[in-house]
Amino acid sequence: MDTRLMTGPELVAATGRHRYSKQAEWFKTTFGIDVVRNDDGHIVMTWSTFDALIKKKAGITESVTYGAEMPHIDLCFD
């Protein structure tokens, strides 16, 4: 999991928008979310969150469900 925050130039590259308000609009239009912003309006987003949004939009789901009970497997050594 990449907890590194996206930088300003990375957000511009991802959204194609330079202004913070336009970047926020892009996230709302593209993913249907209101992004977290700091005091000066800069979007605060980790790379892992962005990757998860891209995967969800593409219909890719993770096969691991956290908190779910794992099936019991018996190992046989002959």
PDB file of N, CA and C in Angstrom:
ATOM      1  N   MET A   1       0.851  -1.175   0.000  1.00  0.00           N
ATOM      2  CA  MET A   1       0.000   0.000   0.000  1.00  0.00           C
ATOM      3  C   MET A   1       0.893   1.232   0.000  1.00  0.00           C
ATOM      4  N   ASP A   2       0.641   2.126  -0.928  1.00  0.00           N
ATOM      5  CA  ASP A   2       1.433   3.339  -1.063  1.00  0.00           C
ATOM      6  C   ASP A   2       0.719   4.485  -0.353  1.00  0.00           C
ATOM      7  N   THR A   3       1.242   4.869   0.819  1.00  0.00           N
ATOM      8  CA  THR A   3       0.618   5.931   1.601  1.00  0.00           C
ATOM      9  C   THR A   3       1.206   7.302   1.270  1.00  0.00           C
ATOM     10  N   ARG A   4       2.035   7.346   0.233  1.00  0.00           N
ATOM     11  CA  ARG A   4       2.625   8.617  -0.188  1.00  0.00           C
ATOM     12  C   ARG A   4       1.543   9.502  -0.795  1.00  0.00           C
ATOM     13  N   LEU A   5       1.534  10.775  -0.389  1.00  0.00           N
ATOM     14  CA  LEU A   5       0.558  11.714  -0.922  1.00  0.00           C
ATOM     15  C   LEU A   5       0.909  12.096  -2.353  1.00  0.00           C
ATOM     16  N   MET A   6      -0.113  12.315  -3.159  1.00  0.00           N
ATOM     17  CA  MET A   6       0.094  12.788  -4.525  1.00  0.00           C
ATOM     18  C   MET A   6       0.556  14.243  -4.466  1.00  0.00           C
ATOM     19  N   THR A   7       1.565  14.563  -5.248  1.00  0.00           N
ATOM     20  CA  THR A   7       2.077  15.934  -5.288  1.00  0.00           C
ATOM     21  C   THR A   7       1.248  16.762  -6.260  1.00  0.00           C
ATOM     22  N   GLY A   8       1.471  18.063  -6.235  1.00  0.00           N
ATOM     23  CA  GLY A   8       0.772  18.957  -7.151  1.00  0.00           C
ATOM     24  C   GLY A   8       0.943  18.573  -8.613  1.00  0.00           C
ATOM     25  N   PRO A   9       2.198  18.374  -9.076  1.00  0.00           N
ATOM     26  CA  PRO A   9       2.392  17.971 -10.473  1.00  0.00           C
ATOM     27  C   PRO A   9       1.761  16.605 -10.795  1.00  0.00           C
ATOM     28  N   GLU A  10       1.749  15.702  -9.838  1.00  0.00           N
ATOM     29  CA  GLU A  10       1.128  14.392 -10.058  1.00  0.00           C
ATOM     30  C   GLU A  10      -0.386  14.523 -10.197  1.00  0.00           C
ATOM     31  N   LEU A  11      -0.980  15.409  -9.408  1.00  0.00           N
ATOM     32  CA  LEU A  11      -2.420  15.646  -9.528  1.00  0.00           C
ATOM     33  C   LEU A  11      -2.760  16.288 -10.868  1.00  0.00           C
ATOM     34  N   VAL A  12      -1.894  17.188 -11.335  1.00  0.00           N
ATOM     35  CA  VAL A  12      -2.105  17.805 -12.648  1.00  0.00           C
ATOM     36  C   VAL A  12      -2.020  16.739 -13.737  1.00  0.00           C
ATOM     37  N   ALA A  13      -1.035  15.847 -13.627  1.00  0.00           N
ATOM     38  CA  ALA A  13      -0.874  14.786 -14.621  1.00  0.00           C
ATOM     39  C   ALA A  13      -2.065  13.830 -14.607  1.00  0.00           C
ATOM     40  N   ALA A  14      -2.594  13.538 -13.420  1.00  0.00           N
ATOM     41  CA  ALA A  14      -3.712  12.598 -13.299  1.00  0.00           C
ATOM     42  C   ALA A  14      -5.025  13.202 -13.771  1.00  0.00           C
ATOM     43  N   THR A  15      -5.257  14.468 -13.450  1.00  0.00           N
ATOM     44  CA  THR A  15      -6.551  15.086 -13.753  1.00  0.00           C
ATOM     45  C   THR A  15      -6.550  15.911 -15.030  1.00  0.00           C
ATOM     46  N   GLY A  16      -5.381  16.385 -15.432  1.00  0.00           N
ATOM     47  CA  GLY A  16      -5.306  17.287 -16.577  1.00  0.00           C
ATOM     48  C   GLY A  16      -5.737  18.698 -16.228  1.00  0.00           C
ATOM     49  N   ARG A  17      -5.895  18.975 -14.949  1.00  0.00           N
ATOM     50  CA  ARG A  17      -6.340  20.294 -14.485  1.00  0.00           C
ATOM     51  C   ARG A  17      -5.280  20.912 -13.581  1.00  0.00           C
ATOM     52  N   HIS A  18      -5.111  22.235 -13.669  1.00  0.00           N
ATOM     53  CA  HIS A  18      -4.111  22.920 -12.849  1.00  0.00           C
ATOM     54  C   HIS A  18      -4.704  23.524 -11.577  1.00  0.00           C
ATOM     55  N   ARG A  19      -5.901  24.021 -11.639  1.00  0.00           N
ATOM     56  CA  ARG A  19      -6.518  24.661 -10.466  1.00  0.00           C
ATOM     57  C   ARG A  19      -7.096  23.604  -9.532  1.00  0.00           C
ATOM     58  N   TYR A  20      -6.935  23.856  -8.230  1.00  0.00           N
ATOM     59  CA  TYR A  20      -7.427  22.904  -7.228  1.00  0.00           C
ATOM     60  C   TYR A  20      -8.926  22.671  -7.360  1.00  0.00           C
ATOM     61  N   SER A  21      -9.676  23.739  -7.614  1.00  0.00           N
ATOM     62  CA  SER A  21     -11.126  23.611  -7.722  1.00  0.00           C
ATOM     63  C   SER A  21     -11.510  22.756  -8.933  1.00  0.00           C
ATOM     64  N   LYS A  22     -10.766  22.898 -10.026  1.00  0.00           N
ATOM     65  CA  LYS A  22     -11.033  22.099 -11.231  1.00  0.00           C
ATOM     66  C   LYS A  22     -10.643  20.639 -11.010  1.00  0.00           C
ATOM     67  N   GLN A  23      -9.573  20.417 -10.241  1.00  0.00           N
ATOM     68  CA  GLN A  23      -9.185  19.053  -9.908  1.00  0.00           C
ATOM     69  C   GLN A  23     -10.271  18.386  -9.062  1.00  0.00           C
ATOM     70  N   ALA A  24     -10.802  19.132  -8.097  1.00  0.00           N
ATOM     71  CA  ALA A  24     -11.876  18.603  -7.253  1.00  0.00           C
ATOM     72  C   ALA A  24     -13.110  18.292  -8.098  1.00  0.00           C
ATOM     73  N   GLU A  25     -13.437  19.163  -9.052  1.00  0.00           N
ATOM     74  CA  GLU A  25     -14.568  18.912  -9.958  1.00  0.00           C
ATOM     75  C   GLU A  25     -14.328  17.648 -10.777  1.00  0.00           C
ATOM     76  N   TRP A  26     -13.085  17.438 -11.236  1.00  0.00           N
ATOM     77  CA  TRP A  26     -12.743  16.253 -12.015  1.00  0.00           C
ATOM     78  C   TRP A  26     -12.978  14.977 -11.201  1.00  0.00           C
ATOM     79  N   PHE A  27     -12.553  14.979  -9.945  1.00  0.00           N
ATOM     80  CA  PHE A  27     -12.778  13.815  -9.088  1.00  0.00           C
ATOM     81  C   PHE A  27     -14.270  13.572  -8.864  1.00  0.00           C
ATOM     82  N   LYS A  28     -15.033  14.650  -8.703  1.00  0.00           N
ATOM     83  CA  LYS A  28     -16.483  14.524  -8.515  1.00  0.00           C
ATOM     84  C   LYS A  28     -17.134  13.954  -9.777  1.00  0.00           C
ATOM     85  N   THR A  29     -16.763  14.460 -10.927  1.00  0.00           N
ATOM     86  CA  THR A  29     -17.332  14.006 -12.191  1.00  0.00           C
ATOM     87  C   THR A  29     -16.890  12.585 -12.532  1.00  0.00           C
ATOM     88  N   THR A  30     -15.615  12.297 -12.344  1.00  0.00           N
ATOM     89  CA  THR A  30     -15.051  11.012 -12.752  1.00  0.00           C
ATOM     90  C   THR A  30     -15.398   9.884 -11.798  1.00  0.00           C
ATOM     91  N   PHE A  31     -15.300  10.143 -10.489  1.00  0.00           N
ATOM     92  CA  PHE A  31     -15.486   9.085  -9.496  1.00  0.00           C
ATOM     93  C   PHE A  31     -16.703   9.284  -8.602  1.00  0.00           C
ATOM     94  N   GLY A  32     -17.328  10.454  -8.675  1.00  0.00           N
ATOM     95  CA  GLY A  32     -18.486  10.722  -7.833  1.00  0.00           C
ATOM     96  C   GLY A  32     -18.158  10.937  -6.373  1.00  0.00           C
ATOM     97  N   ILE A  33     -16.958  11.453  -6.088  1.00  0.00           N
ATOM     98  CA  ILE A  33     -16.551  11.675  -4.700  1.00  0.00           C
ATOM     99  C   ILE A  33     -16.177  13.136  -4.469  1.00  0.00           C
ATOM    100  N   ASP A  34     -16.348  13.565  -3.233  1.00  0.00           N
ATOM    101  CA  ASP A  34     -15.846  14.863  -2.794  1.00  0.00           C
ATOM    102  C   ASP A  34     -14.501  14.603  -2.141  1.00  0.00           C
ATOM    103  N   VAL A  35     -13.454  15.177  -2.678  1.00  0.00           N
ATOM    104  CA  VAL A  35     -12.109  14.916  -2.172  1.00  0.00           C
ATOM    105  C   VAL A  35     -11.815  15.753  -0.934  1.00  0.00           C
ATOM    106  N   VAL A  36     -10.867  15.266  -0.147  1.00  0.00           N
ATOM    107  CA  VAL A  36     -10.392  15.995   1.027  1.00  0.00           C
ATOM    108  C   VAL A  36      -9.422  17.058   0.539  1.00  0.00           C
ATOM    109  N   ARG A  37      -9.567  18.267   1.076  1.00  0.00           N
ATOM    110  CA  ARG A  37      -8.700  19.376   0.691  1.00  0.00           C
ATOM    111  C   ARG A  37      -8.154  20.045   1.939  1.00  0.00           C
ATOM    112  N   ASN A  38      -6.924  20.581   1.830  1.00  0.00           N
ATOM    113  CA  ASN A  38      -6.359  21.280   2.974  1.00  0.00           C
ATOM    114  C   ASN A  38      -6.773  22.750   2.964  1.00  0.00           C
ATOM    115  N   ASP A  39      -6.192  23.546   3.844  1.00  0.00           N
ATOM    116  CA  ASP A  39      -6.612  24.943   4.006  1.00  0.00           C
ATOM    117  C   ASP A  39      -6.485  25.793   2.750  1.00  0.00           C
ATOM    118  N   ASP A  40      -5.463  25.518   1.935  1.00  0.00           N
ATOM    119  CA  ASP A  40      -5.302  26.331   0.727  1.00  0.00           C
ATOM    120  C   ASP A  40      -6.013  25.739  -0.485  1.00  0.00           C
ATOM    121  N   GLY A  41      -6.751  24.649  -0.293  1.00  0.00           N
ATOM    122  CA  GLY A  41      -7.538  24.054  -1.369  1.00  0.00           C
ATOM    123  C   GLY A  41      -6.874  22.886  -2.067  1.00  0.00           C
ATOM    124  N   HIS A  42      -5.594  22.633  -1.756  1.00  0.00           N
ATOM    125  CA  HIS A  42      -4.850  21.533  -2.377  1.00  0.00           C
ATOM    126  C   HIS A  42      -5.495  20.197  -1.990  1.00  0.00           C
ATOM    127  N   ILE A  43      -5.635  19.305  -2.967  1.00  0.00           N
ATOM    128  CA  ILE A  43      -6.234  17.999  -2.722  1.00  0.00           C
ATOM    129  C   ILE A  43      -5.258  17.128  -1.947  1.00  0.00           C
ATOM    130  N   VAL A  44      -5.777  16.437  -0.934  1.00  0.00           N
ATOM    131  CA  VAL A  44      -4.986  15.531  -0.115  1.00  0.00           C
ATOM    132  C   VAL A  44      -5.440  14.114  -0.448  1.00  0.00           C
ATOM    133  N   MET A  45      -4.591  13.378  -1.180  1.00  0.00           N
ATOM    134  CA  MET A  45      -4.955  12.017  -1.583  1.00  0.00           C
ATOM    135  C   MET A  45      -3.697  11.163  -1.672  1.00  0.00           C
ATOM    136  N   THR A  46      -3.793   9.941  -1.161  1.00  0.00           N
ATOM    137  CA  THR A  46      -2.671   9.021  -1.276  1.00  0.00           C
ATOM    138  C   THR A  46      -2.745   8.289  -2.615  1.00  0.00           C
ATOM    139  N   TRP A  47      -1.615   7.769  -3.019  1.00  0.00           N
ATOM    140  CA  TRP A  47      -1.572   7.001  -4.256  1.00  0.00           C
ATOM    141  C   TRP A  47      -2.408   5.734  -4.145  1.00  0.00           C
ATOM    142  N   SER A  48      -2.448   5.117  -2.974  1.00  0.00           N
ATOM    143  CA  SER A  48      -3.247   3.893  -2.824  1.00  0.00           C
ATOM    144  C   SER A  48      -4.736   4.193  -2.978  1.00  0.00           C
ATOM    145  N   THR A  49      -5.185   5.348  -2.502  1.00  0.00           N
ATOM    146  CA  THR A  49      -6.586   5.730  -2.678  1.00  0.00           C
ATOM    147  C   THR A  49      -6.889   5.975  -4.148  1.00  0.00           C
ATOM    148  N   PHE A  50      -5.997   6.674  -4.831  1.00  0.00           N
ATOM    149  CA  PHE A  50      -6.188   6.938  -6.254  1.00  0.00           C
ATOM    150  C   PHE A  50      -6.211   5.632  -7.048  1.00  0.00           C
ATOM    151  N   ASP A  51      -5.292   4.726  -6.737  1.00  0.00           N
ATOM    152  CA  ASP A  51      -5.268   3.425  -7.416  1.00  0.00           C
ATOM    153  C   ASP A  51      -6.565   2.654  -7.190  1.00  0.00           C
ATOM    154  N   ALA A  52      -7.078   2.690  -5.948  1.00  0.00           N
ATOM    155  CA  ALA A  52      -8.335   1.998  -5.642  1.00  0.00           C
ATOM    156  C   ALA A  52      -9.501   2.597  -6.427  1.00  0.00           C
ATOM    157  N   LEU A  53      -9.524   3.923  -6.582  1.00  0.00           N
ATOM    158  CA  LEU A  53     -10.578   4.572  -7.363  1.00  0.00           C
ATOM    159  C   LEU A  53     -10.519   4.156  -8.829  1.00  0.00           C
ATOM    160  N   ILE A  54      -9.309   4.098  -9.373  1.00  0.00           N
ATOM    161  CA  ILE A  54      -9.136   3.683 -10.766  1.00  0.00           C
ATOM    162  C   ILE A  54      -9.605   2.237 -10.948  1.00  0.00           C
ATOM    163  N   LYS A  55      -9.222   1.353 -10.023  1.00  0.00           N
ATOM    164  CA  LYS A  55      -9.620  -0.057 -10.109  1.00  0.00           C
ATOM    165  C   LYS A  55     -11.134  -0.210 -10.010  1.00  0.00           C
ATOM    166  N   LYS A  56     -11.742   0.541  -9.094  1.00  0.00           N
ATOM    167  CA  LYS A  56     -13.194   0.452  -8.927  1.00  0.00           C
ATOM    168  C   LYS A  56     -13.899   0.901 -10.205  1.00  0.00           C
ATOM    169  N   LYS A  57     -13.423   1.992 -10.793  1.00  0.00           N
ATOM    170  CA  LYS A  57     -14.040   2.494 -12.027  1.00  0.00           C
ATOM    171  C   LYS A  57     -13.885   1.497 -13.164  1.00  0.00           C
ATOM    172  N   ALA A  58     -12.766   0.773 -13.179  1.00  0.00           N
ATOM    173  CA  ALA A  58     -12.509  -0.218 -14.221  1.00  0.00           C
ATOM    174  C   ALA A  58     -13.217  -1.541 -13.951  1.00  0.00           C
ATOM    175  N   GLY A  59     -13.852  -1.657 -12.780  1.00  0.00           N
ATOM    176  CA  GLY A  59     -14.566  -2.884 -12.444  1.00  0.00           C
ATOM    177  C   GLY A  59     -13.682  -3.972 -11.869  1.00  0.00           C
ATOM    178  N   ILE A  60     -12.486  -3.601 -11.459  1.00  0.00           N
ATOM    179  CA  ILE A  60     -11.560  -4.565 -10.875  1.00  0.00           C
ATOM    180  C   ILE A  60     -11.759  -4.560  -9.363  1.00  0.00           C
ATOM    181  N   THR A  61     -12.064  -5.721  -8.805  1.00  0.00           N
ATOM    182  CA  THR A  61     -12.248  -5.813  -7.358  1.00  0.00           C
ATOM    183  C   THR A  61     -11.180  -6.709  -6.774  1.00  0.00           C
ATOM    184  N   GLU A  62     -10.832  -6.441  -5.567  1.00  0.00           N
ATOM    185  CA  GLU A  62      -9.849  -7.253  -4.865  1.00  0.00           C
ATOM    186  C   GLU A  62     -10.508  -8.563  -4.438  1.00  0.00           C
ATOM    187  N   SER A  63      -9.775  -9.658  -4.544  1.00  0.00           N
ATOM    188  CA  SER A  63     -10.338 -10.954  -4.190  1.00  0.00           C
ATOM    189  C   SER A  63     -10.289 -11.213  -2.686  1.00  0.00           C
ATOM    190  N   VAL A  64      -9.506 -10.443  -1.966  1.00  0.00           N
ATOM    191  CA  VAL A  64      -9.383 -10.625  -0.526  1.00  0.00           C
ATOM    192  C   VAL A  64     -10.388  -9.732   0.179  1.00  0.00           C
ATOM    193  N   THR A  65     -11.205 -10.318   1.026  1.00  0.00           N
ATOM    194  CA  THR A  65     -12.143  -9.563   1.840  1.00  0.00           C
ATOM    195  C   THR A  65     -11.609  -9.542   3.261  1.00  0.00           C
ATOM    196  N   TYR A  66     -11.253  -8.385   3.738  1.00  0.00           N
ATOM    197  CA  TYR A  66     -10.687  -8.271   5.068  1.00  0.00           C
ATOM    198  C   TYR A  66     -11.768  -8.520   6.110  1.00  0.00           C
ATOM    199  N   GLY A  67     -11.402  -9.278   7.119  1.00  0.00           N
ATOM    200  CA  GLY A  67     -12.339  -9.590   8.191  1.00  0.00           C
ATOM    201  C   GLY A  67     -13.175 -10.823   7.902  1.00  0.00           C
ATOM    202  N   ALA A  68     -13.092 -11.358   6.693  1.00  0.00           N
ATOM    203  CA  ALA A  68     -13.853 -12.552   6.357  1.00  0.00           C
ATOM    204  C   ALA A  68     -13.114 -13.783   6.878  1.00  0.00           C
ATOM    205  N   GLU A  69     -13.875 -14.789   7.219  1.00  0.00           N
ATOM    206  CA  GLU A  69     -13.284 -16.016   7.728  1.00  0.00           C
ATOM    207  C   GLU A  69     -12.673 -16.799   6.575  1.00  0.00           C
ATOM    208  N   MET A  70     -11.442 -17.242   6.767  1.00  0.00           N
ATOM    209  CA  MET A  70     -10.750 -18.010   5.749  1.00  0.00           C
ATOM    210  C   MET A  70     -11.184 -19.473   5.834  1.00  0.00           C
ATOM    211  N   PRO A  71     -11.262 -20.181   4.709  1.00  0.00           N
ATOM    212  CA  PRO A  71     -11.660 -21.591   4.742  1.00  0.00           C
ATOM    213  C   PRO A  71     -10.570 -22.433   5.398  1.00  0.00           C
ATOM    214  N   HIS A  72     -10.986 -23.533   6.032  1.00  0.00           N
ATOM    215  CA  HIS A  72     -10.057 -24.440   6.685  1.00  0.00           C
ATOM    216  C   HIS A  72      -9.434 -25.365   5.645  1.00  0.00           C
ATOM    217  N   ILE A  73      -8.137 -25.477   5.656  1.00  0.00           N
ATOM    218  CA  ILE A  73      -7.433 -26.332   4.715  1.00  0.00           C
ATOM    219  C   ILE A  73      -6.635 -27.359   5.492  1.00  0.00           C
ATOM    220  N   ASP A  74      -6.853 -28.641   5.208  1.00  0.00           N
ATOM    221  CA  ASP A  74      -6.094 -29.720   5.829  1.00  0.00           C
ATOM    222  C   ASP A  74      -4.924 -30.073   4.925  1.00  0.00           C
ATOM    223  N   LEU A  75      -3.739 -30.096   5.485  1.00  0.00           N
ATOM    224  CA  LEU A  75      -2.550 -30.480   4.740  1.00  0.00           C
ATOM    225  C   LEU A  75      -2.261 -31.956   4.980  1.00  0.00           C
ATOM    226  N   CYS A  76      -1.991 -32.695   3.931  1.00  0.00           N
ATOM    227  CA  CYS A  76      -1.693 -34.117   4.026  1.00  0.00           C
ATOM    228  C   CYS A  76      -0.254 -34.347   3.603  1.00  0.00           C
ATOM    229  N   PHE A  77       0.526 -34.909   4.481  1.00  0.00           N
ATOM    230  CA  PHE A  77       1.920 -35.222   4.178  1.00  0.00           C
ATOM    231  C   PHE A  77       2.061 -36.732   4.116  1.00  0.00           C
ATOM    232  N   ASP A  78       2.314 -37.294   2.954  1.00  0.00           N
ATOM    233  CA  ASP A  78       2.450 -38.759   2.785  1.00  0.00           C
ATOM    234  C   ASP A  78       3.886 -39.166   2.813  1.00  0.00           C
TER     235      ASP A  78
END
